[in-house]
Amino acid sequence: MHPILFRWGPFTFYSYGLMLALGFLGAIRLAARRALRLGLNPTQIQTLGVVVLLGGIAGARAAYVALNWAAFRSNLLEIIRLDHGGLVFYGGLAGGILTGIWTVRKAQLPLWITVDLMVPPLVLAHAIGRIGCFLNGCCYGKPSSVPWAVVFPPETVPRHPTQLYESGALILLFFLLKAVERRRPRPGTVFLIYGFSYGIWRFFIEFLRGDNPAAACGLTAFQWASIPLALTCGWLLFKSFRGRQAEKSRSKNRDFSSLRSSK
C-alpha cells in the first residue's frame, strides 16, 4: 500500500490520482488514434475525452458525497477535497455519459459510433485506476485466508485484493470488446456488451467487497445499481441480435426470390 508515491517540494503525488490521470490520458490518446481509422476528427475526440473525464469525476464525487452526506454536512469544504479520496464509479459512469452525450450532440458526431469508439479505452483507464485503488488501500475486500490475501495498513487482517480482481477483469473485458469490434457489429453493440458484462461482474464482486455495507435485502447500493444496468443492456443486446437475425433471413429470402425469378 503506497497512498503517497513521492513528494517534490510543496507538491505531494498521490498514487490514486496519478494512476487515474495516467489511465485517462492514455485512454484519450488511444481514442484519438482510433478516431483516425474511423474517419473522425481526433481533436474532437480528445475534447470529448476531457469532457467525459471532468463529468465523470464530478459525478463520481457527487455520488460519494450523497452516500456519505453525514460526514460532509458539517464540513462542506471537504466536498472539493478530492485529494482525500472518495469517488463512486457508478456516479462517474452517469456523469461521463451525460456530459459525453451533450458533447457528442454539440459537435454533431455520430452518437453510437463515437460511444463505441470511446468505451474500450475508458475500460482500460478504469483498469489502471483500480491499480490506484489498490495502492491507495481503498475499495478493499473482505477478510480472507487465500494465499494472495493482502494486509492494508493500519489493519493486520488479510483481505481479498478486490481492486486487482477488478483490474484483471476489466483488462479481459477490454480485449473482449476489441474482438467484438473486429466483427463490425451494429453501432452501440460494444457499449451494450460493456454495460451487460460490467453490471454482472460488479454485482458478484460486491459479495467480496468489505467497504460497502448492505443497503437493502442484503445487497449493496452498487449491486442494486448493477441489476438494471445488466438487465437493460442485456435486453437491448437480445433485441439487436433478433433484429440482425431477421435482417439476414429477409436478405436470404430476397436472394432466393431473385434466383427463382432469374430462372
Protein backbone atom coordinates (compact mmCIF):
# COMPACT_ATOMS: atom_id res chain seq x y z
CA MET A 1 0.00 0.00 0.00
CA HIS A 2 1.53 3.29 -1.13
CA PRO A 3 -1.05 6.10 -0.99
CA ILE A 4 1.72 8.69 -1.41
CA LEU A 5 4.22 7.88 -4.15
CA PHE A 6 6.59 10.77 -3.51
CA ARG A 7 6.84 14.43 -2.55
CA TRP A 8 8.53 17.14 -4.58
CA GLY A 9 8.87 20.39 -2.71
CA PRO A 10 5.38 21.53 -1.69
CA PHE A 11 3.74 19.01 -4.03
CA THR A 12 2.51 15.59 -2.98
CA PHE A 13 1.90 12.95 -5.63
CA TYR A 14 -0.81 10.51 -4.61
CA SER A 15 -0.86 7.06 -6.19
CA TYR A 16 -4.61 7.05 -6.77
CA GLY A 17 -4.69 10.42 -8.50
CA LEU A 18 -1.62 9.66 -10.58
CA MET A 19 -2.94 6.29 -11.79
CA LEU A 20 -6.30 7.86 -12.57
CA ALA A 21 -4.62 10.60 -14.58
CA LEU A 22 -2.34 8.17 -16.43
CA GLY A 23 -5.30 5.94 -17.26
CA PHE A 24 -7.41 8.72 -18.70
CA LEU A 25 -4.56 10.40 -20.57
CA GLY A 26 -3.73 7.05 -22.15
CA ALA A 27 -7.40 6.48 -22.95
CA ILE A 28 -7.76 9.87 -24.64
CA ARG A 29 -4.64 9.28 -26.72
CA LEU A 30 -5.80 5.80 -27.73
CA ALA A 31 -9.29 7.07 -28.60
CA ALA A 32 -7.79 9.81 -30.83
CA ARG A 33 -5.75 7.23 -32.73
CA ARG A 34 -8.83 5.04 -33.15
CA ALA A 35 -10.77 8.05 -34.45
CA LEU A 36 -8.43 8.40 -37.42
CA ARG A 37 -9.27 4.87 -38.56
CA LEU A 38 -12.98 5.70 -38.48
CA GLY A 39 -12.63 8.99 -40.30
CA LEU A 40 -13.50 11.09 -37.22
CA ASN A 41 -11.72 14.23 -36.08
CA PRO A 42 -9.09 13.28 -33.45
CA THR A 43 -9.19 16.75 -31.90
CA GLN A 44 -12.93 16.46 -31.31
CA ILE A 45 -12.42 13.04 -29.75
CA GLN A 46 -9.69 14.38 -27.46
CA THR A 47 -12.00 17.20 -26.38
CA LEU A 48 -14.75 14.67 -25.79
CA GLY A 49 -12.38 12.61 -23.65
CA VAL A 50 -11.52 15.59 -21.45
CA VAL A 51 -15.20 16.48 -21.02
CA VAL A 52 -16.07 12.88 -20.14
CA LEU A 53 -13.21 12.82 -17.62
CA LEU A 54 -14.38 16.02 -15.91
CA GLY A 55 -18.02 14.96 -15.98
CA GLY A 56 -17.09 11.54 -14.66
CA ILE A 57 -15.09 12.98 -11.75
CA ALA A 58 -17.91 15.38 -10.88
CA GLY A 59 -20.49 12.60 -10.99
CA ALA A 60 -18.29 10.19 -9.02
CA ARG A 61 -17.68 12.79 -6.32
CA ALA A 62 -21.33 13.82 -6.15
CA ALA A 63 -22.38 10.20 -5.68
CA TYR A 64 -19.78 9.68 -2.93
CA VAL A 65 -20.88 12.81 -1.10
CA ALA A 66 -24.54 11.78 -1.37
CA LEU A 67 -23.81 8.32 0.04
CA ASN A 68 -21.73 9.78 2.88
CA TRP A 69 -23.60 13.02 3.50
CA ALA A 70 -23.41 12.68 7.29
CA ALA A 71 -19.63 13.02 7.08
CA PHE A 72 -19.80 16.11 4.84
CA ARG A 73 -22.70 18.22 6.11
CA SER A 74 -20.67 19.64 8.99
CA ASN A 75 -17.69 20.46 6.75
CA LEU A 76 -18.84 21.43 3.26
CA LEU A 77 -15.34 22.44 2.12
CA GLU A 78 -14.35 18.77 2.37
CA ILE A 79 -16.58 18.12 -0.66
CA ILE A 80 -13.97 19.59 -3.01
CA ARG A 81 -11.01 17.84 -1.36
CA LEU A 82 -10.54 15.18 -3.99
CA ASP A 83 -7.02 14.61 -2.69
CA HIS A 84 -8.62 12.97 0.35
CA GLY A 85 -10.20 10.34 -1.90
CA GLY A 86 -13.84 9.40 -2.33
CA LEU A 87 -15.21 8.59 -5.78
CA VAL A 88 -18.07 6.27 -6.74
CA PHE A 89 -17.78 4.52 -10.09
CA TYR A 90 -21.48 4.45 -10.98
CA GLY A 91 -21.73 8.17 -10.28
CA GLY A 92 -18.76 8.68 -12.58
CA LEU A 93 -20.38 6.50 -15.24
CA ALA A 94 -23.59 8.55 -15.12
CA GLY A 95 -21.70 11.86 -15.16
CA GLY A 96 -19.46 10.74 -18.01
CA ILE A 97 -22.40 9.51 -20.11
CA LEU A 98 -24.44 12.69 -19.64
CA THR A 99 -21.59 15.08 -20.42
CA GLY A 100 -20.40 12.82 -23.24
CA ILE A 101 -23.79 12.74 -24.96
CA TRP A 102 -24.10 16.52 -24.63
CA THR A 103 -20.64 16.99 -26.20
CA VAL A 104 -21.28 14.49 -29.00
CA ARG A 105 -24.55 16.22 -29.89
CA LYS A 106 -22.94 19.66 -29.81
CA ALA A 107 -20.05 18.51 -32.01
CA GLN A 108 -22.51 16.73 -34.35
CA LEU A 109 -20.62 13.45 -34.09
CA PRO A 110 -22.35 10.10 -34.83
CA LEU A 111 -23.59 9.13 -31.37
CA TRP A 112 -23.29 5.35 -31.18
CA ILE A 113 -20.19 5.11 -33.37
CA THR A 114 -18.48 7.63 -31.10
CA VAL A 115 -19.66 5.87 -27.93
CA ASP A 116 -18.35 2.52 -29.18
CA LEU A 117 -15.07 4.22 -30.06
CA MET A 118 -14.64 5.59 -26.54
CA VAL A 119 -15.70 2.55 -24.49
CA PRO A 120 -12.64 0.23 -24.84
CA PRO A 121 -10.08 2.98 -24.00
CA LEU A 122 -12.16 4.02 -20.98
CA VAL A 123 -12.39 0.40 -19.82
CA LEU A 124 -8.60 0.25 -19.93
CA ALA A 125 -8.42 3.55 -17.99
CA HIS A 126 -10.74 2.05 -15.38
CA ALA A 127 -8.44 -0.97 -15.05
CA ILE A 128 -5.44 1.32 -14.42
CA GLY A 129 -7.48 3.36 -11.95
CA ARG A 130 -8.24 0.23 -9.92
CA ILE A 131 -4.50 -0.31 -9.51
CA GLY A 132 -4.50 3.17 -7.98
CA CYS A 133 -7.23 1.97 -5.61
CA PHE A 134 -5.01 -0.93 -4.59
CA LEU A 135 -2.05 1.37 -3.91
CA ASN A 136 -4.31 3.74 -2.00
CA GLY A 137 -5.88 0.96 0.08
CA CYS A 138 -9.49 1.82 -0.78
CA CYS A 139 -12.16 -0.44 -2.33
CA TYR A 140 -10.71 -3.34 -0.33
CA GLY A 141 -12.20 -6.80 0.08
CA LYS A 142 -13.49 -8.85 2.96
CA PRO A 143 -11.14 -10.72 5.32
CA SER A 144 -9.79 -13.83 3.65
CA SER A 145 -7.29 -16.65 4.15
CA VAL A 146 -6.48 -17.14 0.46
CA PRO A 147 -2.71 -17.24 -0.23
CA TRP A 148 -2.83 -13.94 -2.15
CA ALA A 149 -4.74 -12.03 0.54
CA VAL A 150 -3.29 -8.59 1.30
CA VAL A 151 -2.97 -6.62 4.53
CA PHE A 152 -3.92 -2.97 4.19
CA PRO A 153 -2.30 -0.91 6.99
CA PRO A 154 -3.10 0.12 9.63
CA GLU A 155 -5.10 -3.14 9.76
CA THR A 156 -3.49 -6.51 10.38
CA VAL A 157 -6.23 -8.65 8.84
CA PRO A 158 -5.54 -10.12 5.35
CA ARG A 159 -8.22 -9.23 2.83
CA HIS A 160 -9.23 -10.03 -0.74
CA PRO A 161 -7.42 -7.66 -3.14
CA THR A 162 -10.69 -6.89 -4.92
CA GLN A 163 -9.06 -3.92 -6.64
CA LEU A 164 -6.73 -6.26 -8.51
CA TYR A 165 -9.56 -8.70 -9.25
CA GLU A 166 -11.46 -5.89 -10.92
CA SER A 167 -8.42 -4.56 -12.76
CA GLY A 168 -7.80 -8.01 -14.23
CA ALA A 169 -11.47 -8.43 -15.18
CA LEU A 170 -11.50 -5.03 -16.91
CA ILE A 171 -8.39 -5.88 -18.92
CA LEU A 172 -10.09 -9.09 -20.10
CA LEU A 173 -13.21 -7.07 -20.95
CA PHE A 174 -11.06 -4.66 -22.97
CA PHE A 175 -9.78 -7.49 -25.14
CA LEU A 176 -13.29 -8.94 -25.45
CA LEU A 177 -14.60 -5.60 -26.74
CA LYS A 178 -11.70 -5.36 -29.19
CA ALA A 179 -12.59 -8.83 -30.52
CA VAL A 180 -16.24 -7.77 -30.89
CA GLU A 181 -15.17 -4.67 -32.81
CA ARG A 182 -13.35 -6.77 -35.37
CA ARG A 183 -16.66 -8.38 -36.30
CA ARG A 184 -18.06 -4.96 -37.26
CA PRO A 185 -21.23 -5.12 -35.14
CA ARG A 186 -24.10 -2.67 -35.19
CA PRO A 187 -23.30 0.74 -33.66
CA GLY A 188 -23.96 0.64 -29.94
CA THR A 189 -23.19 -3.07 -29.55
CA VAL A 190 -19.80 -2.50 -27.93
CA PHE A 191 -21.34 -0.21 -25.31
CA LEU A 192 -24.17 -2.65 -24.60
CA ILE A 193 -21.77 -5.57 -24.15
CA TYR A 194 -19.73 -3.42 -21.79
CA GLY A 195 -22.78 -2.44 -19.72
CA PHE A 196 -24.07 -6.01 -19.59
CA SER A 197 -20.67 -7.51 -18.69
CA TYR A 198 -19.68 -4.91 -16.13
CA GLY A 199 -23.10 -4.96 -14.48
CA ILE A 200 -22.84 -8.71 -13.94
CA TRP A 201 -19.23 -8.52 -12.80
CA ARG A 202 -19.85 -5.70 -10.35
CA PHE A 203 -22.88 -7.47 -8.88
CA PHE A 204 -20.85 -10.55 -7.98
CA ILE A 205 -17.58 -8.85 -6.95
CA GLU A 206 -19.58 -6.85 -4.39
CA PHE A 207 -20.00 -10.06 -2.39
CA LEU A 208 -16.23 -9.93 -1.78
CA ARG A 209 -16.02 -6.18 -1.10
CA GLY A 210 -15.50 -5.23 2.53
CA ASP A 211 -16.11 -1.49 2.29
CA ASN A 212 -19.70 -1.37 1.03
CA PRO A 213 -22.42 -2.13 3.59
CA ALA A 214 -25.71 -3.72 2.58
CA ALA A 215 -28.37 -1.20 1.59
CA ALA A 216 -31.47 -3.39 1.27
CA CYS A 217 -32.27 -7.13 1.21
CA GLY A 218 -28.64 -7.96 1.90
CA LEU A 219 -27.40 -6.24 -1.28
CA THR A 220 -25.23 -3.15 -1.52
CA ALA A 221 -26.26 0.03 -3.32
CA PHE A 222 -23.86 -0.88 -6.11
CA GLN A 223 -25.46 -4.28 -6.57
CA TRP A 224 -28.86 -2.62 -6.88
CA ALA A 225 -27.37 -0.26 -9.48
CA SER A 226 -25.79 -3.19 -11.34
CA ILE A 227 -29.07 -5.08 -11.76
CA PRO A 228 -30.87 -2.55 -14.04
CA LEU A 229 -27.64 -1.86 -15.93
CA ALA A 230 -27.10 -5.54 -16.78
CA LEU A 231 -30.78 -6.25 -17.47
CA THR A 232 -31.29 -3.19 -19.69
CA CYS A 233 -28.13 -3.74 -21.71
CA GLY A 234 -28.83 -7.48 -21.95
CA TRP A 235 -32.38 -6.88 -23.20
CA LEU A 236 -31.20 -4.35 -25.80
CA LEU A 237 -28.48 -6.76 -26.93
CA PHE A 238 -31.06 -9.51 -27.34
CA LYS A 239 -33.32 -7.20 -29.36
CA SER A 240 -30.39 -6.17 -31.54
CA PHE A 241 -29.43 -9.80 -32.13
CA ARG A 242 -33.00 -10.74 -33.03
CA GLY A 243 -33.20 -7.78 -35.38
CA ARG A 244 -29.97 -8.75 -37.09
CA GLN A 245 -31.13 -12.36 -37.50
CA ALA A 246 -34.40 -11.12 -39.01
CA GLU A 247 -32.46 -8.93 -41.46
CA LYS A 248 -30.32 -11.90 -42.51
CA SER A 249 -33.44 -14.02 -43.00
CA ARG A 250 -35.09 -11.35 -45.16
CA SER A 251 -31.89 -10.95 -47.17
CA LYS A 252 -31.74 -14.72 -47.84
CA ASN A 253 -35.37 -14.73 -48.89
CA ARG A 254 -34.76 -11.84 -51.30
CA ASP A 255 -31.74 -13.61 -52.77
CA PHE A 256 -33.74 -16.82 -53.16
CA SER A 257 -36.65 -14.99 -54.82
CA SER A 258 -34.25 -13.22 -57.17
CA LEU A 259 -32.64 -16.53 -58.07
CA ARG A 260 -36.01 -18.14 -58.83
CA SER A 261 -37.15 -15.21 -60.97
CA SER A 262 -33.91 -15.25 -62.95
CA LYS A 263 -34.56 -18.86 -63.90
